[in-house]
Every structure is written in structure tokens, then in C-alpha cells.
Amino acid sequence: MTQLIPFTIRRLASGDSDMVRDLLVVFGHAFEDEPTYAHAQPDRQYLEKLLGNETVIVLAAMQGAEVVGGLVAYELEKLEQQRSEIYIYDLAVAKPHRRRGIATGLIEQVRIIAAERGAHVMFIQADLEDDPAIQLYTKLGLREDVLHFDIAVT
């Protein structure tokens, strides 16, 4: 019988830019998009600025000193009412560590942070072909079918 090694979840803050780099490697592998996540990483000053911003939520799932997964979310302040929403933008767990509750744990931790910040709701997107993500998010929340459009700025 395989013994599962426990994991911890940590909110990254100023001083954790090296761990962010480890998390970006996990994202690159998980999303099969190393060029986006590993080839042009921002400098330490940029990362430290983001990590010091309370509306940027970066969580790392740790097994000992190793980053095995993580989540990046952004608090969006709304205009129509005095409230905010939390947008979970990136969520991934390294393949060898999946199916152990890490993704659910990350979402639960951001839910706690969202409640502390007084957010109205959290939301996340999934690709249509990403069945495991769709199953997880369906278990945790209400599904809305929408279309997503990327609009170039130049």
C-alpha cells in the first residue's frame, strides 16, 4: 500500500519570488505550455510587487520544500455594487501529486481568503476538453456555460 505524504498550502507573499518561479514551472508542465510560464518570467522586482498586492492571491501546495501545485487568483472590485469577486485564473497540480485533494484544498483555502476579504463570489474557467477540472468544479460550484474571447490589444 502506498503511503501518501501530506501536503501543506501556503499563501505566498513578498520574499517568496523563488517559490513563484517553482510554481510557474508546475503550471508550464501541467498546462503543456512551458514557453508561456518558463521562458520569459518577470524579474524579482515585478514578482515582489505582485506578491505584496493583497488583491493578488498566490497559493502554493507544498510537499516538504517542493512546490507540487498552486493557484493564482485576482480580486476584482465591482462597479455596480460595493463588492468584489475572486477570479481563479490558474490552478494546477503536478501529475504525480494529483487525485490527493490538493486542488480542492487550494480552492478551499482561497474560499477562506475570499470570505475574509468580503468577496461576493469566486469563479473559475475550464476548457471544454478538461474533464477532470470540469468534474472538480461541478462538485464545488454552479456551472455556467459562457463563451470566452481573447481580444488583442495591438
C-alpha atoms as a PDB file:
ATOM      1  CA  MET A   1       0.000   0.000   0.000  1.00  0.00           C
ATOM      2  CA  THR A   2       1.352   3.418  -0.978  1.00  0.00           C
ATOM      3  CA  GLN A   3       1.580   5.930   1.841  1.00  0.00           C
ATOM      4  CA  LEU A   4       0.563   9.455   0.876  1.00  0.00           C
ATOM      5  CA  ILE A   5       2.863  12.187   2.074  1.00  0.00           C
ATOM      6  CA  PRO A   6       0.859  15.104   3.474  1.00  0.00           C
ATOM      7  CA  PHE A   7       0.874  18.481   1.779  1.00  0.00           C
ATOM      8  CA  THR A   8       0.509  21.993   3.117  1.00  0.00           C
ATOM      9  CA  ILE A   9      -0.892  25.098   1.459  1.00  0.00           C
ATOM     10  CA  ARG A  10       0.873  28.390   1.853  1.00  0.00           C
ATOM     11  CA  ARG A  11      -0.059  31.869   0.661  1.00  0.00           C
ATOM     12  CA  LEU A  12       2.986  33.361  -0.989  1.00  0.00           C
ATOM     13  CA  ALA A  13       3.991  36.909  -0.046  1.00  0.00           C
ATOM     14  CA  SER A  14       6.870  39.318  -0.510  1.00  0.00           C
ATOM     15  CA  GLY A  15      10.109  37.380  -0.259  1.00  0.00           C
ATOM     16  CA  ASP A  16       8.691  34.270  -1.955  1.00  0.00           C
ATOM     17  CA  SER A  17       9.581  35.059  -5.570  1.00  0.00           C
ATOM     18  CA  ASP A  18      11.786  31.933  -5.843  1.00  0.00           C
ATOM     19  CA  MET A  19       8.784  29.789  -4.892  1.00  0.00           C
ATOM     20  CA  VAL A  20       6.734  31.617  -7.533  1.00  0.00           C
ATOM     21  CA  ARG A  21       9.311  30.531 -10.112  1.00  0.00           C
ATOM     22  CA  ASP A  22       8.897  26.915  -8.957  1.00  0.00           C
ATOM     23  CA  LEU A  23       5.121  27.311  -9.219  1.00  0.00           C
ATOM     24  CA  LEU A  24       5.429  28.692 -12.754  1.00  0.00           C
ATOM     25  CA  VAL A  25       7.343  25.544 -13.744  1.00  0.00           C
ATOM     26  CA  VAL A  26       4.496  23.404 -12.340  1.00  0.00           C
ATOM     27  CA  PHE A  27       1.980  25.491 -14.336  1.00  0.00           C
ATOM     28  CA  GLY A  28       4.042  25.199 -17.528  1.00  0.00           C
ATOM     29  CA  HIS A  29       4.196  21.405 -17.296  1.00  0.00           C
ATOM     30  CA  ALA A  30       0.564  20.968 -16.215  1.00  0.00           C
ATOM     31  CA  PHE A  31      -0.794  23.243 -18.962  1.00  0.00           C
ATOM     32  CA  GLU A  32       1.718  21.891 -21.510  1.00  0.00           C
ATOM     33  CA  ASP A  33       2.774  25.491 -22.134  1.00  0.00           C
ATOM     34  CA  GLU A  34       6.354  25.884 -20.920  1.00  0.00           C
ATOM     35  CA  PRO A  35       7.041  28.857 -23.258  1.00  0.00           C
ATOM     36  CA  THR A  36       4.413  30.997 -21.521  1.00  0.00           C
ATOM     37  CA  TYR A  37       5.300  30.023 -17.967  1.00  0.00           C
ATOM     38  CA  ALA A  38       9.051  29.466 -18.067  1.00  0.00           C
ATOM     39  CA  HIS A  39      10.769  31.276 -20.937  1.00  0.00           C
ATOM     40  CA  ALA A  40      10.104  34.942 -20.148  1.00  0.00           C
ATOM     41  CA  GLN A  41       9.476  35.065 -16.415  1.00  0.00           C
ATOM     42  CA  PRO A  42       9.328  38.528 -14.897  1.00  0.00           C
ATOM     43  CA  ASP A  43      12.170  39.861 -12.787  1.00  0.00           C
ATOM     44  CA  ARG A  44      12.244  39.635  -8.999  1.00  0.00           C
ATOM     45  CA  GLN A  45      11.087  43.254  -8.525  1.00  0.00           C
ATOM     46  CA  TYR A  46       7.915  42.629 -10.561  1.00  0.00           C
ATOM     47  CA  LEU A  47       7.138  39.402  -8.699  1.00  0.00           C
ATOM     48  CA  GLU A  48       7.722  41.043  -5.322  1.00  0.00           C
ATOM     49  CA  LYS A  49       5.353  43.879  -6.273  1.00  0.00           C
ATOM     50  CA  LEU A  50       2.609  41.372  -7.158  1.00  0.00           C
ATOM     51  CA  LEU A  51       3.203  39.301  -4.041  1.00  0.00           C
ATOM     52  CA  GLY A  52       2.835  42.443  -1.934  1.00  0.00           C
ATOM     53  CA  ASN A  53      -0.551  43.268  -3.504  1.00  0.00           C
ATOM     54  CA  GLU A  54      -3.358  41.981  -1.265  1.00  0.00           C
ATOM     55  CA  THR A  55      -5.706  41.616  -4.275  1.00  0.00           C
ATOM     56  CA  VAL A  56      -3.332  39.126  -5.926  1.00  0.00           C
ATOM     57  CA  ILE A  57      -3.665  35.716  -4.275  1.00  0.00           C
ATOM     58  CA  VAL A  58      -0.897  33.188  -4.910  1.00  0.00           C
ATOM     59  CA  LEU A  59      -1.134  29.855  -3.120  1.00  0.00           C
ATOM     60  CA  ALA A  60       1.444  27.081  -3.255  1.00  0.00           C
ATOM     61  CA  ALA A  61       0.764  23.457  -2.335  1.00  0.00           C
ATOM     62  CA  MET A  62       3.911  22.140  -0.710  1.00  0.00           C
ATOM     63  CA  GLN A  63       5.199  18.669  -0.035  1.00  0.00           C
ATOM     64  CA  GLY A  64       8.078  19.442   2.258  1.00  0.00           C
ATOM     65  CA  ALA A  65      10.072  22.126   0.434  1.00  0.00           C
ATOM     66  CA  GLU A  66       8.759  21.109  -3.027  1.00  0.00           C
ATOM     67  CA  VAL A  67       6.032  23.085  -4.793  1.00  0.00           C
ATOM     68  CA  VAL A  68       3.628  20.424  -6.124  1.00  0.00           C
ATOM     69  CA  GLY A  69       0.730  22.660  -7.132  1.00  0.00           C
ATOM     70  CA  GLY A  70      -0.740  26.075  -6.813  1.00  0.00           C
ATOM     71  CA  LEU A  71      -3.346  28.639  -7.568  1.00  0.00           C
ATOM     72  CA  VAL A  72      -3.331  32.253  -8.710  1.00  0.00           C
ATOM     73  CA  ALA A  73      -6.437  34.378  -8.181  1.00  0.00           C
ATOM     74  CA  TYR A  74      -7.289  38.030  -8.532  1.00  0.00           C
ATOM     75  CA  GLU A  75      -9.781  40.091  -6.569  1.00  0.00           C
ATOM     76  CA  LEU A  76     -11.880  42.179  -8.954  1.00  0.00           C
ATOM     77  CA  GLU A  77     -13.630  45.188  -7.451  1.00  0.00           C
ATOM     78  CA  LYS A  78     -17.066  45.747  -8.968  1.00  0.00           C
ATOM     79  CA  LEU A  79     -18.648  48.993 -10.084  1.00  0.00           C
ATOM     80  CA  GLU A  80     -22.342  48.079  -9.937  1.00  0.00           C
ATOM     81  CA  GLN A  81     -22.243  47.298  -6.216  1.00  0.00           C
ATOM     82  CA  GLN A  82     -19.772  47.750  -3.400  1.00  0.00           C
ATOM     83  CA  ARG A  83     -18.387  44.240  -3.547  1.00  0.00           C
ATOM     84  CA  SER A  84     -15.725  42.154  -5.199  1.00  0.00           C
ATOM     85  CA  GLU A  85     -15.355  38.815  -6.935  1.00  0.00           C
ATOM     86  CA  ILE A  86     -12.412  36.433  -6.874  1.00  0.00           C
ATOM     87  CA  TYR A  87     -11.292  35.116 -10.255  1.00  0.00           C
ATOM     88  CA  ILE A  88      -9.239  31.929 -10.017  1.00  0.00           C
ATOM     89  CA  TYR A  89      -7.029  32.315 -13.061  1.00  0.00           C
ATOM     90  CA  ASP A  90      -4.508  29.467 -12.788  1.00  0.00           C
ATOM     91  CA  LEU A  91      -4.869  26.221 -10.850  1.00  0.00           C
ATOM     92  CA  ALA A  92      -2.680  23.181 -11.366  1.00  0.00           C
ATOM     93  CA  VAL A  93      -1.184  20.199  -9.569  1.00  0.00           C
ATOM     94  CA  ALA A  94       1.875  18.310 -10.805  1.00  0.00           C
ATOM     95  CA  LYS A  95       0.891  14.944 -12.335  1.00  0.00           C
ATOM     96  CA  PRO A  96       2.480  12.697  -9.699  1.00  0.00           C
ATOM     97  CA  HIS A  97       0.536  14.528  -6.968  1.00  0.00           C
ATOM     98  CA  ARG A  98      -2.951  14.569  -8.475  1.00  0.00           C
ATOM     99  CA  ARG A  99      -6.055  12.889  -7.014  1.00  0.00           C
ATOM    100  CA  ARG A 100      -4.967  13.619  -3.443  1.00  0.00           C
ATOM    101  CA  GLY A 101      -7.259  16.567  -2.695  1.00  0.00           C
ATOM    102  CA  ILE A 102      -4.652  19.231  -3.418  1.00  0.00           C
ATOM    103  CA  ALA A 103      -6.740  21.167  -5.974  1.00  0.00           C
ATOM    104  CA  THR A 104      -9.775  21.022  -3.676  1.00  0.00           C
ATOM    105  CA  GLY A 105      -7.594  22.177  -0.778  1.00  0.00           C
ATOM    106  CA  LEU A 106      -6.322  25.116  -2.817  1.00  0.00           C
ATOM    107  CA  ILE A 107      -9.858  26.157  -3.740  1.00  0.00           C
ATOM    108  CA  GLU A 108     -10.986  25.810  -0.122  1.00  0.00           C
ATOM    109  CA  GLN A 109      -8.086  27.995   1.030  1.00  0.00           C
ATOM    110  CA  VAL A 110      -8.912  30.732  -1.495  1.00  0.00           C
ATOM    111  CA  ARG A 111     -12.541  30.471  -0.354  1.00  0.00           C
ATOM    112  CA  ILE A 112     -11.391  31.326   3.180  1.00  0.00           C
ATOM    113  CA  ILE A 113      -9.384  34.284   1.879  1.00  0.00           C
ATOM    114  CA  ALA A 114     -12.355  35.425  -0.226  1.00  0.00           C
ATOM    115  CA  ALA A 115     -14.631  35.331   2.828  1.00  0.00           C
ATOM    116  CA  GLU A 116     -12.076  37.287   4.874  1.00  0.00           C
ATOM    117  CA  ARG A 117     -11.921  39.911   2.095  1.00  0.00           C
ATOM    118  CA  GLY A 118     -15.724  40.100   1.932  1.00  0.00           C
ATOM    119  CA  ALA A 119     -15.903  38.863  -1.675  1.00  0.00           C
ATOM    120  CA  HIS A 120     -19.325  38.141  -3.134  1.00  0.00           C
ATOM    121  CA  VAL A 121     -18.395  35.093  -5.239  1.00  0.00           C
ATOM    122  CA  MET A 122     -15.468  33.170  -6.730  1.00  0.00           C
ATOM    123  CA  PHE A 123     -15.320  31.989 -10.319  1.00  0.00           C
ATOM    124  CA  ILE A 124     -13.069  29.852 -12.497  1.00  0.00           C
ATOM    125  CA  GLN A 125     -12.976  28.743 -16.120  1.00  0.00           C
ATOM    126  CA  ALA A 126     -12.250  25.321 -17.608  1.00  0.00           C
ATOM    127  CA  ASP A 127     -11.507  24.195 -21.137  1.00  0.00           C
ATOM    128  CA  LEU A 128     -14.285  22.072 -22.616  1.00  0.00           C
ATOM    129  CA  GLU A 129     -11.984  19.083 -23.028  1.00  0.00           C
ATOM    130  CA  ASP A 130     -10.618  19.226 -19.455  1.00  0.00           C
ATOM    131  CA  ASP A 131     -12.940  16.633 -17.917  1.00  0.00           C
ATOM    132  CA  PRO A 132     -11.125  16.298 -14.556  1.00  0.00           C
ATOM    133  CA  ALA A 133     -11.301  20.070 -13.971  1.00  0.00           C
ATOM    134  CA  ILE A 134     -14.959  20.193 -15.011  1.00  0.00           C
ATOM    135  CA  GLN A 135     -15.792  17.342 -12.610  1.00  0.00           C
ATOM    136  CA  LEU A 136     -13.971  19.060  -9.751  1.00  0.00           C
ATOM    137  CA  TYR A 137     -15.526  22.484 -10.330  1.00  0.00           C
ATOM    138  CA  THR A 138     -19.005  20.967 -10.778  1.00  0.00           C
ATOM    139  CA  LYS A 139     -18.601  19.288  -7.388  1.00  0.00           C
ATOM    140  CA  LEU A 140     -17.698  22.628  -5.782  1.00  0.00           C
ATOM    141  CA  GLY A 141     -19.904  25.133  -7.559  1.00  0.00           C
ATOM    142  CA  LEU A 142     -22.604  26.014 -10.041  1.00  0.00           C
ATOM    143  CA  ARG A 143     -21.801  25.609 -13.742  1.00  0.00           C
ATOM    144  CA  GLU A 144     -22.478  28.423 -16.195  1.00  0.00           C
ATOM    145  CA  ASP A 145     -21.857  27.897 -19.888  1.00  0.00           C
ATOM    146  CA  VAL A 146     -20.324  31.036 -21.372  1.00  0.00           C
ATOM    147  CA  LEU A 147     -18.083  31.936 -24.253  1.00  0.00           C
ATOM    148  CA  HIS A 148     -14.624  33.378 -23.668  1.00  0.00           C
ATOM    149  CA  PHE A 149     -12.964  35.711 -26.169  1.00  0.00           C
ATOM    150  CA  ASP A 150      -9.347  36.876 -26.253  1.00  0.00           C
ATOM    151  CA  ILE A 151      -9.114  40.334 -27.821  1.00  0.00           C
ATOM    152  CA  ALA A 152      -5.710  41.514 -28.960  1.00  0.00           C
ATOM    153  CA  VAL A 153      -4.620  44.915 -27.682  1.00  0.00           C
ATOM    154  CA  THR A 154      -2.487  45.760 -30.710  1.00  0.00           C
END
